[in-house]
Protein backbone atom coordinates (compact mmCIF):
# COMPACT_ATOMS: atom_id res chain seq x y z
CA MET A 1 21.17 0.22 -24.95
CA SER A 2 19.93 2.13 -21.52
CA LYS A 3 18.94 0.07 -18.17
CA LEU A 4 15.65 0.04 -16.63
CA SER A 5 14.44 -0.59 -13.18
CA ALA A 6 10.94 -2.04 -12.65
CA VAL A 7 9.36 -0.53 -9.68
CA ILE A 8 5.80 -2.06 -7.96
CA ILE A 9 4.23 -1.41 -4.49
CA THR A 10 2.37 -4.17 -3.19
CA LEU A 11 -0.07 -5.43 -0.14
CA ASN A 12 -1.42 -8.85 -0.34
CA GLU A 13 -1.03 -9.05 -4.33
CA GLU A 14 -0.67 -12.86 -4.33
CA GLU A 15 -3.08 -13.29 -7.14
CA ASN A 16 -1.87 -10.59 -9.49
CA ILE A 17 2.27 -9.99 -8.91
CA GLY A 18 3.25 -12.60 -10.73
CA ARG A 19 1.70 -11.81 -13.89
CA CYS A 20 2.58 -8.28 -13.42
CA ILE A 21 6.22 -9.70 -12.62
CA ASP A 22 6.33 -11.93 -15.51
CA SER A 23 5.28 -9.12 -17.82
CA VAL A 24 8.40 -7.00 -17.47
CA LYS A 25 11.18 -9.25 -16.66
CA GLU A 26 12.15 -9.16 -19.99
CA LEU A 27 12.77 -5.55 -20.37
CA ALA A 28 13.87 -5.12 -16.93
CA ASP A 29 17.77 -5.21 -15.94
CA GLU A 30 15.70 -5.22 -11.98
CA VAL A 31 12.67 -5.36 -10.48
CA VAL A 32 11.80 -4.10 -7.48
CA VAL A 33 8.97 -4.67 -5.28
CA VAL A 34 8.22 -2.66 -2.28
CA ASP A 35 5.48 -4.52 0.30
CA SER A 36 3.14 -2.83 2.88
CA LEU A 37 3.69 -5.75 4.99
CA SER A 38 1.74 -8.51 3.10
CA THR A 39 0.47 -11.47 4.90
CA ASP A 40 -0.16 -13.75 2.28
CA ARG A 41 2.21 -15.07 -0.84
CA THR A 42 3.20 -12.33 -1.99
CA LYS A 43 6.72 -12.04 -0.98
CA GLU A 44 7.35 -15.71 -1.58
CA ILE A 45 6.08 -15.06 -5.13
CA ALA A 46 8.12 -12.21 -6.06
CA LEU A 47 11.26 -13.73 -4.30
CA SER A 48 10.40 -16.76 -6.97
CA LYS A 49 10.83 -14.22 -9.66
CA ASN A 50 14.20 -12.69 -8.54
CA ALA A 51 12.53 -9.41 -7.61
CA LYS A 52 14.34 -7.12 -4.95
CA PHE A 53 11.94 -7.41 -2.33
CA ILE A 54 11.54 -4.45 0.25
CA GLU A 55 9.26 -4.60 3.54
CA ARG A 56 7.74 -0.98 4.62
CA ALA A 57 5.33 0.09 6.11
CA PHE A 58 2.38 1.79 3.96
CA THR A 59 1.79 5.52 4.82
CA ASN A 60 0.40 6.57 1.61
CA TYR A 61 0.68 5.74 -1.84
CA ILE A 62 2.35 8.64 -3.03
CA ASP A 63 4.82 8.13 0.05
CA GLN A 64 5.51 4.58 -1.36
CA LYS A 65 5.74 5.24 -4.93
CA ASN A 66 8.53 8.11 -4.21
CA PHE A 67 10.26 5.55 -1.69
CA ALA A 68 10.01 2.70 -4.24
CA LEU A 69 11.94 5.27 -6.82
CA THR A 70 14.93 5.82 -4.62
CA GLN A 71 15.38 2.14 -4.02
CA ALA A 72 15.82 1.57 -8.08
CA SER A 73 19.54 1.38 -9.22
CA ASN A 74 18.78 2.51 -12.80
CA ASN A 75 17.73 6.31 -13.72
CA TYR A 76 14.89 5.31 -15.94
CA VAL A 77 12.12 3.44 -14.28
CA LEU A 78 8.87 1.83 -15.32
CA ASN A 79 6.10 1.95 -12.08
CA LEU A 80 3.31 -0.52 -12.39
CA ASP A 81 0.64 -1.89 -10.08
CA ALA A 82 0.37 -4.96 -8.95
CA ASP A 83 -2.85 -5.60 -10.91
CA GLU A 84 -1.43 -4.39 -14.06
CA CYS A 85 0.89 -6.04 -16.70
CA LEU A 86 2.17 -4.95 -20.25
CA SER A 87 0.52 -5.99 -23.75
CA GLU A 88 2.40 -7.89 -25.76
CA GLU A 89 2.91 -4.27 -28.14
CA LEU A 90 4.04 -2.59 -25.84
CA GLN A 91 6.35 -4.73 -24.44
CA LYS A 92 8.03 -4.39 -27.52
CA ASN A 93 7.92 -0.72 -28.19
CA ILE A 94 9.31 -0.39 -24.74
CA HIS A 95 12.08 -2.75 -25.91
CA SER A 96 12.57 -0.85 -29.06
CA ALA A 97 12.97 2.55 -27.12
CA LYS A 98 15.18 0.92 -24.42
CA GLU A 99 17.26 -0.34 -27.24
CA ALA A 100 17.26 3.42 -28.54
CA GLY A 101 19.02 4.53 -25.58
CA PHE A 102 15.50 6.28 -24.51
CA THR A 103 15.59 9.53 -26.10
CA SER A 104 12.62 11.07 -24.22
CA ASP A 105 13.21 11.98 -20.67
CA ALA A 106 9.42 10.29 -20.03
CA TYR A 107 6.92 8.22 -22.02
CA SER A 108 3.42 7.85 -22.19
CA MET A 109 1.08 4.92 -22.56
CA ASN A 110 -2.41 3.75 -22.63
CA ARG A 111 -4.13 1.86 -19.65
CA LEU A 112 -7.05 -0.68 -20.61
CA ASN A 113 -9.23 -1.18 -17.49
CA PHE A 114 -10.84 -4.50 -17.23
CA TYR A 115 -14.24 -5.31 -15.44
CA CYS A 116 -15.28 -8.66 -14.73
CA ASP A 117 -12.63 -10.24 -17.43
CA LYS A 118 -13.95 -7.82 -19.96
CA PRO A 119 -11.82 -5.05 -21.37
CA ILE A 120 -13.70 -1.46 -21.59
CA LYS A 121 -12.99 1.25 -23.74
CA THR A 122 -16.15 2.86 -23.05
CA CYS A 123 -17.25 4.38 -19.52
CA GLY A 124 -14.96 7.07 -19.97
CA TRP A 125 -12.08 4.25 -19.19
CA TYR A 126 -10.28 4.74 -22.33
CA PRO A 127 -7.43 5.60 -23.41
CA ASP A 128 -6.63 6.31 -19.75
CA LYS A 129 -3.13 8.10 -20.74
CA LYS A 130 -0.40 7.29 -18.23
CA ILE A 131 3.23 8.75 -17.61
CA ARG A 132 4.78 5.45 -16.32
CA LEU A 133 8.63 5.16 -17.58
CA TRP A 134 10.11 8.07 -16.99
CA ASN A 135 14.16 9.56 -15.78
CA LYS A 136 13.57 9.62 -12.29
CA THR A 137 15.80 12.33 -11.96
CA LYS A 138 13.37 14.52 -13.81
CA GLY A 139 9.53 13.54 -12.04
CA LYS A 140 8.32 12.56 -8.69
CA TRP A 141 4.62 11.25 -7.83
CA GLU A 142 2.76 14.54 -6.13
CA GLY A 143 -0.81 14.97 -5.91
CA GLU A 144 -3.40 14.16 -2.77
CA LEU A 145 -5.11 11.77 -0.75
CA VAL A 146 -6.48 9.84 -4.08
CA HIS A 147 -5.20 9.55 -7.79
CA GLU A 148 -1.64 10.52 -7.43
CA LYS A 149 -0.05 11.73 -10.30
CA LEU A 150 3.50 12.09 -11.57
CA VAL A 151 4.44 15.39 -12.06
CA MET A 152 7.70 15.88 -14.79
CA SER A 153 10.42 18.57 -14.31
CA ALA A 154 9.46 22.15 -16.74
CA GLY A 155 10.67 21.29 -20.07
CA SER A 156 10.59 17.75 -19.95
CA SER A 157 10.47 15.52 -23.18
CA VAL A 158 7.72 13.03 -23.22
CA ALA A 159 7.02 10.76 -26.38
CA HIS A 160 3.94 8.01 -26.25
CA LEU A 161 4.49 4.35 -26.68
CA LYS A 162 1.76 2.35 -28.43
CA GLY A 163 0.53 -0.98 -26.57
CA ASP A 164 -1.70 -1.02 -23.43
CA ILE A 165 -1.14 -1.39 -19.76
CA LEU A 166 -3.65 -3.98 -18.72
CA HIS A 167 -5.57 -3.42 -15.65
CA TYR A 168 -7.11 -5.76 -13.91
CA SER A 169 -8.42 -4.08 -11.13
CA TYR A 170 -11.99 -4.91 -11.22
CA PRO A 171 -12.61 -8.64 -11.47
CA THR A 172 -16.01 -8.71 -9.84
CA HIS A 173 -18.72 -5.97 -9.30
CA GLN A 174 -18.27 -6.22 -5.87
CA SER A 175 -14.86 -5.13 -6.25
CA LEU A 176 -15.65 -2.14 -8.40
CA ILE A 177 -18.01 -1.09 -5.48
CA LYS A 178 -15.66 -1.25 -2.77
CA GLN A 179 -13.03 0.31 -4.42
CA SER A 180 -15.44 3.47 -5.56
CA GLU A 181 -16.72 3.82 -2.31
CA ARG A 182 -12.89 4.13 -0.79
CA PHE A 183 -12.11 6.23 -3.59
CA ALA A 184 -15.01 8.51 -2.78
CA GLU A 185 -14.10 8.39 1.24
CA LEU A 186 -10.47 9.67 0.26
CA ALA A 187 -11.65 12.29 -1.94
CA ALA A 188 -14.29 13.34 0.58
CA ARG A 189 -11.48 14.58 3.21
CA GLU A 190 -10.00 16.72 0.89
CA LEU A 191 -13.50 17.86 -1.08
CA LYS A 192 -14.32 18.92 2.53
CA LYS A 193 -11.92 22.09 2.79
CA GLN A 194 -14.34 23.61 -0.18
CA PRO A 195 -17.41 25.79 0.25
CA LEU A 196 -20.33 24.33 2.06
CA ILE A 197 -22.40 26.15 -1.16
CA PHE A 198 -19.95 24.69 -3.75
CA LEU A 199 -20.42 20.88 -2.13
CA LEU A 200 -24.10 21.22 -2.08
CA PHE A 201 -24.23 22.47 -6.02
CA LYS A 202 -22.12 19.67 -6.87
CA LEU A 203 -24.01 16.97 -4.69
CA SER A 204 -27.24 18.17 -6.58
CA PHE A 205 -25.85 17.98 -10.12
CA SER A 206 -22.58 16.33 -10.76
CA SER A 207 -23.48 12.53 -10.08
CA ARG A 208 -26.31 12.88 -12.88
CA PHE A 209 -24.04 14.73 -15.36
CA LYS A 210 -21.28 11.77 -14.55
CA PHE A 211 -24.04 8.84 -15.67
CA ILE A 212 -25.18 10.69 -18.63
CA ARG A 213 -21.83 11.72 -19.94
CA ASN A 214 -20.73 8.14 -19.36
CA TYR A 215 -22.91 6.27 -20.14
CA PHE A 216 -24.43 8.25 -23.63
CA PHE A 217 -21.67 10.19 -24.63
CA LYS A 218 -18.81 8.02 -23.59
CA LEU A 219 -20.72 4.90 -25.34
CA GLY A 220 -21.22 3.01 -22.22
CA PHE A 221 -24.66 1.85 -23.29
CA THR A 222 -22.50 -0.16 -26.09
CA ASP A 223 -21.29 -2.60 -23.45
CA GLY A 224 -24.41 -3.81 -22.36
CA SER A 225 -24.60 -4.55 -18.76
CA ALA A 226 -21.30 -4.13 -17.64
CA GLY A 227 -21.58 -0.67 -19.15
CA LEU A 228 -25.01 0.19 -17.25
CA GLU A 229 -23.07 -1.21 -13.99
CA ILE A 230 -20.07 0.68 -14.33
CA CYS A 231 -21.85 4.48 -14.94
CA LEU A 232 -24.13 3.60 -11.97
CA CYS A 233 -20.75 2.79 -9.70
CA GLN A 234 -19.44 6.14 -11.01
CA SER A 235 -22.23 8.35 -10.65
CA ARG A 236 -22.88 6.84 -7.04
CA GLU A 237 -19.30 7.48 -6.03
CA VAL A 238 -19.30 11.05 -7.27
CA PHE A 239 -22.55 11.14 -4.97
CA ILE A 240 -21.01 9.45 -1.88
CA LYS A 241 -18.04 11.55 -2.33
CA TYR A 242 -20.10 15.04 -2.08
CA PHE A 243 -22.24 13.79 0.44
CA ARG A 244 -19.42 12.61 2.58
CA ALA A 245 -17.22 15.89 1.91
CA ILE A 246 -20.38 17.86 3.65
CA GLU A 247 -21.25 15.46 6.62
CA LEU A 248 -17.07 15.87 7.03
CA LYS A 249 -17.69 19.52 7.34
CA ARG A 250 -20.45 20.04 9.20
CA ASN A 251 -18.80 17.85 11.76
CA THR A 252 -16.11 19.46 11.71
CA GLY A 253 -16.91 22.92 11.68
CA LYS A 254 -14.62 23.83 8.64
């Protein structure tokens, strides 16, 4: 049997961290929480559940997640965000893979996103496949300001585990809007490097295309008002990020 470390980064996650740790505590030989100086009960709750708790000022997601890897005692790590937890099916399949000695370098799994307590499998949100369990000597986090990604070494073997990561990121409509606006602003900082003509073209067409694709072709309409709200917010996020990128480009002259 291989050993496994669960790693979680946090900031004011008192509402979520307990559920997250509970879903991995029977699988992981240790739970490592790297906290960005929370001011709520995150530390108290994590310590009560016997997590290894490390406080570190936040720089960016990539740096924080890679730092968390260095704090894990075992080569195989399971990475979760605090607002995520493992379904029972996924827990069982991770346990089986661990019992077999982790025969692959990495394992992907599906993520099921929740909106206002409703699981959403439309709107382009599912299966949202992610690699979240891997040999840390063969992969690390890379990317830009938003949507960091795990990059595995060339030739690494990847298997897929059945079951879902349950993602409770949007408990309210306002939380969805707030998150989308934050992502749009971060994306705009990177997009401003693109030529102005490209940004103008994307501003004119991309938001409408996003809505049509996700609401009709990705079956968002089958989720009623929730599907409509999600697809409208997705379309709005695309518009904002290109609009802000053009503003930033004009303001900086680059």
